[in-house]
PDB file of N, CA and C in Angstrom:
ATOM      1  N   UNK A   1       2.148  18.460  -4.797  1.00  0.00           N
ATOM      2  CA  UNK A   1       2.458  18.214  -3.555  1.00  0.00           C
ATOM      3  C   UNK A   1       1.644  17.483  -2.618  1.00  0.00           C
ATOM      4  N   UNK A   2       0.334  17.824  -2.662  1.00  0.00           N
ATOM      5  CA  UNK A   2      -0.640  16.882  -1.905  1.00  0.00           C
ATOM      6  C   UNK A   2      -0.880  15.808  -2.317  1.00  0.00           C
ATOM      7  N   UNK A   3      -0.630  15.434  -3.654  1.00  0.00           N
ATOM      8  CA  UNK A   3      -0.830  14.171  -3.983  1.00  0.00           C
ATOM      9  C   UNK A   3       0.318  13.742  -3.497  1.00  0.00           C
ATOM     10  N   UNK A   4       1.543  13.661  -3.270  1.00  0.00           N
ATOM     11  CA  UNK A   4       2.580  13.393  -2.706  1.00  0.00           C
ATOM     12  C   UNK A   4       2.524  12.691  -1.215  1.00  0.00           C
ATOM     13  N   UNK A   5       1.981  13.849  -0.590  1.00  0.00           N
ATOM     14  CA  UNK A   5       1.381  13.402   0.493  1.00  0.00           C
ATOM     15  C   UNK A   5       0.187  12.473   1.183  1.00  0.00           C
ATOM     16  N   UNK A   6      -0.702  12.480   0.024  1.00  0.00           N
ATOM     17  CA  UNK A   6      -1.324  11.457  -0.128  1.00  0.00           C
ATOM     18  C   UNK A   6      -1.333  10.110  -0.737  1.00  0.00           C
ATOM     19  N   UNK A   7      -0.127   9.576  -1.488  1.00  0.00           N
ATOM     20  CA  UNK A   7       0.543   8.724  -1.674  1.00  0.00           C
ATOM     21  C   UNK A   7       1.505   8.132  -0.344  1.00  0.00           C
ATOM     22  N   UNK A   8       1.822   8.995   0.581  1.00  0.00           N
ATOM     23  CA  UNK A   8       2.586   8.802   1.731  1.00  0.00           C
ATOM     24  C   UNK A   8       1.916   7.900   2.615  1.00  0.00           C
ATOM     25  N   UNK A   9       0.850   9.146   2.872  1.00  0.00           N
ATOM     26  CA  UNK A   9      -0.045   8.714   3.549  1.00  0.00           C
ATOM     27  C   UNK A   9      -0.813   7.242   3.488  1.00  0.00           C
ATOM     28  N   UNK A  10      -0.888   6.949   2.341  1.00  0.00           N
ATOM     29  CA  UNK A  10      -1.534   5.753   1.557  1.00  0.00           C
ATOM     30  C   UNK A  10      -0.172   4.424   2.128  1.00  0.00           C
ATOM     31  N   UNK A  11       0.774   4.709   1.750  1.00  0.00           N
ATOM     32  CA  UNK A  11       2.037   3.865   2.267  1.00  0.00           C
ATOM     33  C   UNK A  11       1.966   3.537   3.240  1.00  0.00           C
ATOM     34  N   UNK A  12       2.071   4.152   4.039  1.00  0.00           N
ATOM     35  CA  UNK A  12       2.158   4.593   5.403  1.00  0.00           C
ATOM     36  C   UNK A  12       0.530   3.531   5.990  1.00  0.00           C
ATOM     37  N   UNK A  13      -0.788   3.580   5.588  1.00  0.00           N
ATOM     38  CA  UNK A  13      -1.852   2.897   5.990  1.00  0.00           C
ATOM     39  C   UNK A  13      -1.786   1.442   5.489  1.00  0.00           C
ATOM     40  N   UNK A  14      -1.022   1.242   4.136  1.00  0.00           N
ATOM     41  CA  UNK A  14      -0.806   0.065   4.071  1.00  0.00           C
ATOM     42  C   UNK A  14       0.205  -1.062   5.033  1.00  0.00           C
ATOM     43  N   UNK A  15       1.055  -0.119   5.310  1.00  0.00           N
ATOM     44  CA  UNK A  15       2.244  -0.706   6.034  1.00  0.00           C
ATOM     45  C   UNK A  15       1.590  -1.183   7.348  1.00  0.00           C
ATOM     46  N   UNK A  16       0.928  -0.125   7.658  1.00  0.00           N
ATOM     47  CA  UNK A  16       0.472  -0.623   9.172  1.00  0.00           C
ATOM     48  C   UNK A  16      -0.432  -1.794   9.481  1.00  0.00           C
ATOM     49  N   UNK A  17      -1.584  -1.923   7.715  1.00  0.00           N
ATOM     50  CA  UNK A  17      -2.315  -3.411   7.899  1.00  0.00           C
ATOM     51  C   UNK A  17      -1.161  -4.154   8.093  1.00  0.00           C
ATOM     52  N   UNK A  18      -0.137  -4.236   7.102  1.00  0.00           N
ATOM     53  CA  UNK A  18       0.255  -5.518   6.631  1.00  0.00           C
ATOM     54  C   UNK A  18       1.472  -5.842   8.178  1.00  0.00           C
ATOM     55  N   UNK A  19       1.437  -4.724   9.177  1.00  0.00           N
ATOM     56  CA  UNK A  19       1.790  -5.177  10.445  1.00  0.00           C
ATOM     57  C   UNK A  19       0.954  -5.683  11.461  1.00  0.00           C
ATOM     58  N   UNK A  20       0.079  -5.247  11.348  1.00  0.00           N
ATOM     59  CA  UNK A  20      -1.435  -5.882  11.982  1.00  0.00           C
ATOM     60  C   UNK A  20      -1.894  -7.216  11.365  1.00  0.00           C
ATOM     61  N   UNK A  21      -1.621  -7.413  10.229  1.00  0.00           N
ATOM     62  CA  UNK A  21      -2.196  -8.886   9.853  1.00  0.00           C
ATOM     63  C   UNK A  21      -0.757 -10.152  10.377  1.00  0.00           C
ATOM     64  N   UNK A  22       0.247  -9.686  10.046  1.00  0.00           N
ATOM     65  CA  UNK A  22       1.354 -10.419  10.474  1.00  0.00           C
ATOM     66  C   UNK A  22       1.224 -10.286  11.895  1.00  0.00           C
ATOM     67  N   UNK A  23       1.029  -9.513  12.982  1.00  0.00           N
ATOM     68  CA  UNK A  23       0.727  -9.803  14.208  1.00  0.00           C
ATOM     69  C   UNK A  23       0.025 -11.096  14.447  1.00  0.00           C
ATOM     70  N   UNK A  24      -2.063 -10.820  14.053  1.00  0.00           N
ATOM     71  CA  UNK A  24      -2.703 -11.805  13.898  1.00  0.00           C
ATOM     72  C   UNK A  24      -2.197 -12.791  13.781  1.00  0.00           C
ATOM     73  N   UNK A  25      -1.174 -13.031  12.582  1.00  0.00           N
ATOM     74  CA  UNK A  25      -1.006 -14.467  12.237  1.00  0.00           C
ATOM     75  C   UNK A  25       0.347 -15.210  12.869  1.00  0.00           C
ATOM     76  N   UNK A  26       0.972 -14.236  13.640  1.00  0.00           N
ATOM     77  CA  UNK A  26       1.639 -14.868  14.316  1.00  0.00           C
ATOM     78  C   UNK A  26       0.879 -15.373  15.682  1.00  0.00           C
ATOM     79  N   UNK A  27       0.219 -15.056  16.354  1.00  0.00           N
ATOM     80  CA  UNK A  27      -0.293 -15.230  17.159  1.00  0.00           C
ATOM     81  C   UNK A  27      -1.574 -17.052  16.567  1.00  0.00           C
ATOM     82  N   UNK A  28      -1.567 -16.828  15.867  1.00  0.00           N
ATOM     83  CA  UNK A  28      -2.346 -17.739  15.275  1.00  0.00           C
ATOM     84  C   UNK A  28      -1.255 -18.787  14.841  1.00  0.00           C
ATOM     85  N   UNK A  29      -0.335 -18.783  14.680  1.00  0.00           N
ATOM     86  CA  UNK A  29       0.541 -19.735  14.523  1.00  0.00           C
ATOM     87  C   UNK A  29       1.132 -19.813  15.726  1.00  0.00           C
ATOM     88  N   UNK A  30       1.474 -19.134  16.739  1.00  0.00           N
ATOM     89  CA  UNK A  30       2.111 -19.275  18.156  1.00  0.00           C
ATOM     90  C   UNK A  30       0.967 -20.458  19.151  1.00  0.00           C
ATOM     91  N   UNK A  31      -0.379 -20.387  18.883  1.00  0.00           N
ATOM     92  CA  UNK A  31      -1.237 -20.966  19.506  1.00  0.00           C
ATOM     93  C   UNK A  31      -1.810 -22.366  18.283  1.00  0.00           C
ATOM     94  N   UNK A  32      -1.070 -22.623  17.576  1.00  0.00           N
ATOM     95  CA  UNK A  32      -1.175 -23.617  16.995  1.00  0.00           C
ATOM     96  C   UNK A  32      -2.701 -23.419  16.059  1.00  0.00           C
ATOM     97  N   UNK A  33      -3.254 -22.518  15.891  1.00  0.00           N
ATOM     98  CA  UNK A  33      -4.293 -22.513  14.454  1.00  0.00           C
ATOM     99  C   UNK A  33      -4.044 -22.791  13.117  1.00  0.00           C
ATOM    100  N   UNK A  34      -2.992 -22.077  13.604  1.00  0.00           N
ATOM    101  CA  UNK A  34      -2.372 -22.372  11.825  1.00  0.00           C
ATOM    102  C   UNK A  34      -1.192 -22.814  11.875  1.00  0.00           C
ATOM    103  N   UNK A  35      -0.283 -23.621  10.642  1.00  0.00           N
ATOM    104  CA  UNK A  35       0.929 -24.373  10.476  1.00  0.00           C
ATOM    105  C   UNK A  35       1.838 -23.715   9.585  1.00  0.00           C
ATOM    106  N   UNK A  36       3.048 -23.307   9.933  1.00  0.00           N
ATOM    107  CA  UNK A  36       3.939 -22.636   8.609  1.00  0.00           C
ATOM    108  C   UNK A  36       4.241 -23.785   7.721  1.00  0.00           C
ATOM    109  N   UNK A  37       3.988 -24.989   8.234  1.00  0.00           N
ATOM    110  CA  UNK A  37       4.176 -26.547   7.208  1.00  0.00           C
ATOM    111  C   UNK A  37       3.387 -26.309   5.925  1.00  0.00           C
ATOM    112  N   UNK A  38       2.403 -25.541   6.038  1.00  0.00           N
ATOM    113  CA  UNK A  38       1.216 -25.456   5.198  1.00  0.00           C
ATOM    114  C   UNK A  38       1.675 -24.250   4.058  1.00  0.00           C
ATOM    115  N   UNK A  39       2.048 -25.054   2.748  1.00  0.00           N
ATOM    116  CA  UNK A  39       2.410 -24.353   1.600  1.00  0.00           C
ATOM    117  C   UNK A  39       1.596 -22.867   1.580  1.00  0.00           C
ATOM    118  N   UNK A  40       0.635 -22.309   1.535  1.00  0.00           N
ATOM    119  CA  UNK A  40      -0.067 -21.358   1.569  1.00  0.00           C
ATOM    120  C   UNK A  40       0.370 -20.344   2.330  1.00  0.00           C
ATOM    121  N   UNK A  41       0.466 -20.867   4.032  1.00  0.00           N
ATOM    122  CA  UNK A  41       0.336 -20.348   5.273  1.00  0.00           C
ATOM    123  C   UNK A  41       1.928 -19.950   5.458  1.00  0.00           C
ATOM    124  N   UNK A  42       2.904 -20.792   4.896  1.00  0.00           N
ATOM    125  CA  UNK A  42       4.053 -20.690   5.273  1.00  0.00           C
ATOM    126  C   UNK A  42       4.508 -19.591   3.859  1.00  0.00           C
ATOM    127  N   UNK A  43       3.845 -19.338   2.756  1.00  0.00           N
ATOM    128  CA  UNK A  43       4.506 -18.335   1.613  1.00  0.00           C
ATOM    129  C   UNK A  43       3.953 -17.306   2.263  1.00  0.00           C
ATOM    130  N   UNK A  44       2.650 -17.063   3.021  1.00  0.00           N
ATOM    131  CA  UNK A  44       2.104 -15.765   3.287  1.00  0.00           C
ATOM    132  C   UNK A  44       3.225 -15.341   4.555  1.00  0.00           C
ATOM    133  N   UNK A  45       3.376 -15.889   5.405  1.00  0.00           N
ATOM    134  CA  UNK A  45       4.553 -15.970   6.073  1.00  0.00           C
ATOM    135  C   UNK A  45       5.833 -15.330   5.845  1.00  0.00           C
ATOM    136  N   UNK A  46       6.201 -16.103   5.238  1.00  0.00           N
ATOM    137  CA  UNK A  46       7.883 -15.564   4.418  1.00  0.00           C
ATOM    138  C   UNK A  46       7.621 -14.386   3.853  1.00  0.00           C
ATOM    139  N   UNK A  47       6.212 -14.072   3.138  1.00  0.00           N
ATOM    140  CA  UNK A  47       6.492 -12.803   2.210  1.00  0.00           C
ATOM    141  C   UNK A  47       6.219 -11.706   3.381  1.00  0.00           C
ATOM    142  N   UNK A  48       5.202 -11.795   4.613  1.00  0.00           N
ATOM    143  CA  UNK A  48       5.214 -10.393   5.304  1.00  0.00           C
ATOM    144  C   UNK A  48       6.269 -10.516   6.148  1.00  0.00           C
ATOM    145  N   UNK A  49       7.373 -11.667   6.329  1.00  0.00           N
ATOM    146  CA  UNK A  49       8.970 -11.575   7.053  1.00  0.00           C
ATOM    147  C   UNK A  49       9.451 -10.610   6.014  1.00  0.00           C
ATOM    148  N   UNK A  50       9.720 -10.638   4.588  1.00  0.00           N
ATOM    149  CA  UNK A  50      10.431  -9.734   4.302  1.00  0.00           C
ATOM    150  C   UNK A  50      10.198  -8.532   3.688  1.00  0.00           C
ATOM    151  N   UNK A  51       8.802  -8.064   3.951  1.00  0.00           N
ATOM    152  CA  UNK A  51       8.437  -6.797   4.234  1.00  0.00           C
ATOM    153  C   UNK A  51       8.518  -6.514   4.886  1.00  0.00           C
ATOM    154  N   UNK A  52       8.265  -6.872   6.266  1.00  0.00           N
ATOM    155  CA  UNK A  52       8.320  -6.205   7.379  1.00  0.00           C
ATOM    156  C   UNK A  52       9.597  -6.025   8.298  1.00  0.00           C
ATOM    157  N   UNK A  53      10.433  -7.256   8.178  1.00  0.00           N
ATOM    158  CA  UNK A  53      11.910  -6.928   8.886  1.00  0.00           C
ATOM    159  C   UNK A  53      12.589  -5.945   8.521  1.00  0.00           C
ATOM    160  N   UNK A  54      12.960  -5.517   7.282  1.00  0.00           N
ATOM    161  CA  UNK A  54      13.925  -4.029   7.258  1.00  0.00           C
ATOM    162  C   UNK A  54      13.136  -3.088   8.100  1.00  0.00           C
ATOM    163  N   UNK A  55      11.810  -2.661   8.645  1.00  0.00           N
ATOM    164  CA  UNK A  55      10.983  -1.833   9.477  1.00  0.00           C
ATOM    165  C   UNK A  55      11.700  -2.509  10.854  1.00  0.00           C
ATOM    166  N   UNK A  56      11.610  -3.465  11.292  1.00  0.00           N
ATOM    167  CA  UNK A  56      11.622  -3.842  12.694  1.00  0.00           C
ATOM    168  C   UNK A  56      13.025  -4.388  12.872  1.00  0.00           C
ATOM    169  N   UNK A  57      13.873  -4.424  12.005  1.00  0.00           N
ATOM    170  CA  UNK A  57      15.408  -4.457  12.537  1.00  0.00           C
ATOM    171  C   UNK A  57      16.343  -3.412  13.834  1.00  0.00           C
ATOM    172  N   UNK A  58      15.697  -1.832  12.891  1.00  0.00           N
ATOM    173  CA  UNK A  58      16.651  -0.793  13.331  1.00  0.00           C
ATOM    174  C   UNK A  58      16.119  -0.797  14.832  1.00  0.00           C
ATOM    175  N   UNK A  59      14.496  -0.912  14.894  1.00  0.00           N
ATOM    176  CA  UNK A  59      13.911  -0.694  15.865  1.00  0.00           C
ATOM    177  C   UNK A  59      14.178  -2.195  16.928  1.00  0.00           C
ATOM    178  N   UNK A  60      14.336  -3.374  16.697  1.00  0.00           N
ATOM    179  CA  UNK A  60      15.044  -4.451  17.548  1.00  0.00           C
ATOM    180  C   UNK A  60      16.546  -4.452  17.751  1.00  0.00           C
ATOM    181  N   UNK A  61      17.222  -3.289  17.427  1.00  0.00           N
ATOM    182  CA  UNK A  61      18.584  -3.132  17.911  1.00  0.00           C
ATOM    183  C   UNK A  61      18.495  -2.302  18.888  1.00  0.00           C
ATOM    184  N   UNK A  62      17.291  -1.425  18.861  1.00  0.00           N
ATOM    185  CA  UNK A  62      17.344  -0.560  19.935  1.00  0.00           C
ATOM    186  C   UNK A  62      16.555  -1.027  21.500  1.00  0.00           C
ATOM    187  N   UNK A  63      15.770  -1.540  21.128  1.00  0.00           N
ATOM    188  CA  UNK A  63      14.623  -2.003  22.548  1.00  0.00           C
ATOM    189  C   UNK A  63      15.547  -3.228  23.318  1.00  0.00           C
ATOM    190  N   UNK A  64      15.411  -3.267  24.134  1.00  0.00           N
ATOM    191  CA  UNK A  64      16.097  -4.632  25.151  1.00  0.00           C
ATOM    192  C   UNK A  64      15.288  -5.440  25.146  1.00  0.00           C
ATOM    193  N   UNK A  65      15.783  -6.838  25.353  1.00  0.00           N
ATOM    194  CA  UNK A  65      14.835  -7.986  25.616  1.00  0.00           C
ATOM    195  C   UNK A  65      13.850  -8.096  26.394  1.00  0.00           C
ATOM    196  N   UNK A  66      12.741  -8.529  25.877  1.00  0.00           N
ATOM    197  CA  UNK A  66      11.609  -8.537  26.949  1.00  0.00           C
ATOM    198  C   UNK A  66      11.298  -9.787  27.467  1.00  0.00           C
ATOM    199  N   UNK A  67      11.840 -11.306  26.991  1.00  0.00           N
ATOM    200  CA  UNK A  67      11.761 -12.221  27.905  1.00  0.00           C
ATOM    201  C   UNK A  67      10.646 -12.902  27.087  1.00  0.00           C
ATOM    202  N   UNK A  68      10.915 -12.763  25.690  1.00  0.00           N
ATOM    203  CA  UNK A  68       9.804 -13.497  24.692  1.00  0.00           C
ATOM    204  C   UNK A  68       8.578 -12.652  24.242  1.00  0.00           C
ATOM    205  N   UNK A  69       8.577 -11.601  24.862  1.00  0.00           N
ATOM    206  CA  UNK A  69       7.791 -10.533  24.086  1.00  0.00           C
ATOM    207  C   UNK A  69       8.468  -9.918  22.884  1.00  0.00           C
ATOM    208  N   UNK A  70       7.664  -9.819  22.017  1.00  0.00           N
ATOM    209  CA  UNK A  70       8.500  -8.631  20.630  1.00  0.00           C
ATOM    210  C   UNK A  70       7.277  -7.685  20.474  1.00  0.00           C
ATOM    211  N   UNK A  71       8.200  -6.280  21.222  1.00  0.00           N
ATOM    212  CA  UNK A  71       6.854  -5.320  21.276  1.00  0.00           C
ATOM    213  C   UNK A  71       7.554  -4.222  19.989  1.00  0.00           C
ATOM    214  N   UNK A  72       8.327  -5.141  19.249  1.00  0.00           N
ATOM    215  CA  UNK A  72       9.007  -4.275  18.021  1.00  0.00           C
ATOM    216  C   UNK A  72       7.407  -3.905  16.835  1.00  0.00           C
ATOM    217  N   UNK A  73       6.453  -4.455  16.824  1.00  0.00           N
ATOM    218  CA  UNK A  73       5.301  -4.313  15.943  1.00  0.00           C
ATOM    219  C   UNK A  73       4.679  -3.007  16.210  1.00  0.00           C
ATOM    220  N   UNK A  74       4.909  -3.165  17.655  1.00  0.00           N
ATOM    221  CA  UNK A  74       3.660  -1.985  18.337  1.00  0.00           C
ATOM    222  C   UNK A  74       4.394  -0.879  18.492  1.00  0.00           C
ATOM    223  N   UNK A  75       5.451  -0.801  18.421  1.00  0.00           N
ATOM    224  CA  UNK A  75       6.700   0.490  18.081  1.00  0.00           C
ATOM    225  C   UNK A  75       6.681   1.310  16.863  1.00  0.00           C
ATOM    226  N   UNK A  76       6.759   0.125  15.971  1.00  0.00           N
ATOM    227  CA  UNK A  76       6.642   0.599  14.824  1.00  0.00           C
ATOM    228  C   UNK A  76       5.089   1.185  14.080  1.00  0.00           C
ATOM    229  N   UNK A  77       4.021   0.687  14.733  1.00  0.00           N
ATOM    230  CA  UNK A  77       2.875   1.033  14.490  1.00  0.00           C
ATOM    231  C   UNK A  77       2.509   2.390  15.354  1.00  0.00           C
ATOM    232  N   UNK A  78       3.318   2.628  16.391  1.00  0.00           N
ATOM    233  CA  UNK A  78       3.120   3.988  16.777  1.00  0.00           C
ATOM    234  C   UNK A  78       3.925   4.898  16.232  1.00  0.00           C
ATOM    235  N   UNK A  79       5.262   4.750  15.630  1.00  0.00           N
ATOM    236  CA  UNK A  79       5.788   5.399  14.577  1.00  0.00           C
ATOM    237  C   UNK A  79       5.250   5.900  13.415  1.00  0.00           C
ATOM    238  N   UNK A  80       4.311   4.717  12.568  1.00  0.00           N
ATOM    239  CA  UNK A  80       3.522   5.219  11.666  1.00  0.00           C
ATOM    240  C   UNK A  80       2.427   6.498  11.619  1.00  0.00           C
ATOM    241  N   UNK A  81       1.910   5.756  13.035  1.00  0.00           N
ATOM    242  CA  UNK A  81       0.494   6.603  13.482  1.00  0.00           C
ATOM    243  C   UNK A  81       1.321   8.250  13.890  1.00  0.00           C
ATOM    244  N   UNK A  82       2.440   8.133  14.427  1.00  0.00           N
ATOM    245  CA  UNK A  82       2.816   9.545  14.391  1.00  0.00           C
ATOM    246  C   UNK A  82       3.193  10.021  13.365  1.00  0.00           C
ATOM    247  N   UNK A  83       3.550   9.404  12.444  1.00  0.00           N
ATOM    248  CA  UNK A  83       4.271  10.298  11.014  1.00  0.00           C
ATOM    249  C   UNK A  83       3.090  10.335  10.021  1.00  0.00           C
ATOM    250  N   UNK A  84       1.931   9.695  10.549  1.00  0.00           N
ATOM    251  CA  UNK A  84       0.454  10.054   9.856  1.00  0.00           C
ATOM    252  C   UNK A  84      -0.009  11.435  10.308  1.00  0.00           C
ATOM    253  N   UNK A  85       0.263  11.444  11.521  1.00  0.00           N
ATOM    254  CA  UNK A  85      -0.550  12.597  12.208  1.00  0.00           C
ATOM    255  C   UNK A  85       0.485  13.791  11.794  1.00  0.00           C
ATOM    256  N   UNK A  86       1.562  13.723  11.558  1.00  0.00           N
ATOM    257  CA  UNK A  86       2.369  14.880  11.377  1.00  0.00           C
ATOM    258  C   UNK A  86       2.039  15.562  10.172  1.00  0.00           C
ATOM    259  N   UNK A  87       2.076  14.841   8.994  1.00  0.00           N
ATOM    260  CA  UNK A  87       1.665  14.646   8.166  1.00  0.00           C
ATOM    261  C   UNK A  87       0.262  15.443   7.550  1.00  0.00           C
ATOM    262  N   UNK A  88      -0.897  14.691   8.456  1.00  0.00           N
ATOM    263  CA  UNK A  88      -2.231  15.093   8.427  1.00  0.00           C
ATOM    264  C   UNK A  88      -1.836  16.592   8.782  1.00  0.00           C
ATOM    265  N   UNK A  89      -1.053  17.058  10.058  1.00  0.00           N
ATOM    266  CA  UNK A  89      -1.492  18.196  10.526  1.00  0.00           C
ATOM    267  C   UNK A  89      -0.585  19.408  10.396  1.00  0.00           C
ATOM    268  N   UNK A  90       0.707  18.983   9.516  1.00  0.00           N
ATOM    269  CA  UNK A  90       1.817  19.662   9.251  1.00  0.00           C
ATOM    270  C   UNK A  90       1.930  20.002   7.903  1.00  0.00           C
ATOM    271  N   UNK A  91       1.976  18.796   7.224  1.00  0.00           N
ATOM    272  CA  UNK A  91       2.233  18.463   5.747  1.00  0.00           C
ATOM    273  C   UNK A  91       1.331  19.266   5.002  1.00  0.00           C
ATOM    274  N   UNK A  92       0.090  19.336   5.183  1.00  0.00           N
ATOM    275  CA  UNK A  92      -0.814  19.701   4.205  1.00  0.00           C
ATOM    276  C   UNK A  92      -1.401  21.263   4.469  1.00  0.00           C
ATOM    277  N   UNK A  93      -0.752  22.009   5.580  1.00  0.00           N
ATOM    278  CA  UNK A  93      -0.682  23.259   5.601  1.00  0.00           C
ATOM    279  C   UNK A  93       0.876  24.111   5.087  1.00  0.00           C
ATOM    280  N   UNK A  94       1.663  23.198   5.219  1.00  0.00           N
ATOM    281  CA  UNK A  94       2.381  23.851   4.456  1.00  0.00           C
ATOM    282  C   UNK A  94       2.786  23.561   3.196  1.00  0.00           C
ATOM    283  N   UNK A  95       2.410  22.498   2.608  1.00  0.00           N
ATOM    284  CA  UNK A  95       2.027  22.490   1.400  1.00  0.00           C
ATOM    285  C   UNK A  95       1.375  23.188   0.347  1.00  0.00           C
ATOM    286  N   UNK A  96       2.239  23.906  -0.856  1.00  0.00           N
ATOM    287  CA  UNK A  96       1.257  24.896  -1.596  1.00  0.00           C
ATOM    288  C   UNK A  96       0.233  24.355  -2.515  1.00  0.00           C
ATOM    289  N   UNK A  97      -0.948  24.930  -2.482  1.00  0.00           N
ATOM    290  CA  UNK A  97      -1.908  24.230  -3.298  1.00  0.00           C
ATOM    291  C   UNK A  97      -2.951  24.022  -2.465  1.00  0.00           C
TER     292      UNK A  97
END
């Protein structure tokens, strides 16, 4: 059971890093440091979009529009951190062995 919780924590950690990397990449694209017409940057951007969009879509449907500011990544990160804390605090205490 603890191995399953460890794997779940690792997946949540990887997801949070992917979201952070995508946020930094979006800032770099917005400030024209990187260009999406570059094949490598475009491929990385498309891959990150495919990974994160299923996480973002339900949150975007619930959040009101914020005049150009997308708070969805921050909300998803907060949910991930909350789940990690729940698993660390209560999951390991309940898990046998």
